[in-house]
């Protein structure tokens, strides 16, 4: 999932440098969504491991 986040961030950066604002915005929105999902999954795993221990 981290790989997809990095890919989307690079696409957003390149698109913004080329002046493609709508593509940059879409890529950034996708990256934000994946970051949120990864953070939620990380917290669930973290709290699950703490509760088991």
Protein backbone atom coordinates (compact mmCIF):
# COMPACT_ATOMS: atom_id res chain seq x y z
CA UNK A 1 0.00 0.00 0.00
CA UNK A 2 2.93 2.30 0.72
CA UNK A 3 4.09 1.70 -2.85
CA UNK A 4 0.78 2.98 -4.23
CA UNK A 5 0.90 6.02 -1.96
CA UNK A 6 4.37 6.93 -3.21
CA UNK A 7 3.36 6.38 -6.84
CA UNK A 8 0.34 8.65 -6.45
CA UNK A 9 2.42 11.33 -4.73
CA UNK A 10 4.97 11.27 -7.57
CA UNK A 11 2.19 11.44 -10.17
CA UNK A 12 0.66 14.40 -8.32
CA UNK A 13 4.01 16.20 -8.16
CA UNK A 14 4.80 15.66 -11.84
CA UNK A 15 1.29 16.60 -12.92
CA UNK A 16 1.41 19.81 -10.90
CA UNK A 17 4.77 20.74 -12.43
CA UNK A 18 3.32 20.20 -15.90
CA UNK A 19 0.26 22.31 -15.09
CA UNK A 20 -2.26 19.48 -15.03
CA UNK A 21 -4.10 20.62 -11.94
CA UNK A 22 -7.09 18.30 -12.17
CA UNK A 23 -4.89 15.22 -12.52
CA UNK A 24 -2.69 16.41 -9.66
CA UNK A 25 -5.74 16.92 -7.46
CA UNK A 26 -7.12 13.50 -8.26
CA UNK A 27 -3.80 11.80 -7.55
CA UNK A 28 -3.42 13.71 -4.30
CA UNK A 29 -6.94 12.77 -3.21
CA UNK A 30 -6.18 9.11 -3.88
CA UNK A 31 -2.94 9.36 -1.92
CA UNK A 32 -4.74 11.00 1.02
CA UNK A 33 -7.35 8.25 1.01
CA UNK A 34 -4.73 5.51 1.01
CA UNK A 35 -2.79 7.25 3.78
CA UNK A 36 -5.96 7.36 5.89
CA UNK A 37 -6.67 3.67 5.27
CA UNK A 38 -3.07 2.71 6.11
CA UNK A 39 -3.17 4.78 9.29
CA UNK A 40 -6.45 3.22 10.42
CA UNK A 41 -5.16 -0.29 9.71
CA UNK A 42 -1.93 0.46 11.58
CA UNK A 43 -3.83 1.74 14.61
CA UNK A 44 -6.14 -1.27 14.62
CA UNK A 45 -3.16 -3.63 14.54
CA UNK A 46 -1.36 -1.62 17.20
CA UNK A 47 -4.32 -1.59 19.58
CA UNK A 48 -5.06 -5.24 18.85
CA UNK A 49 -1.52 -6.24 19.78
CA UNK A 50 -1.65 -4.11 22.93
CA UNK A 51 -4.95 -5.69 23.98
CA UNK A 52 -3.61 -9.22 23.38
CA UNK A 53 -0.43 -8.57 25.36
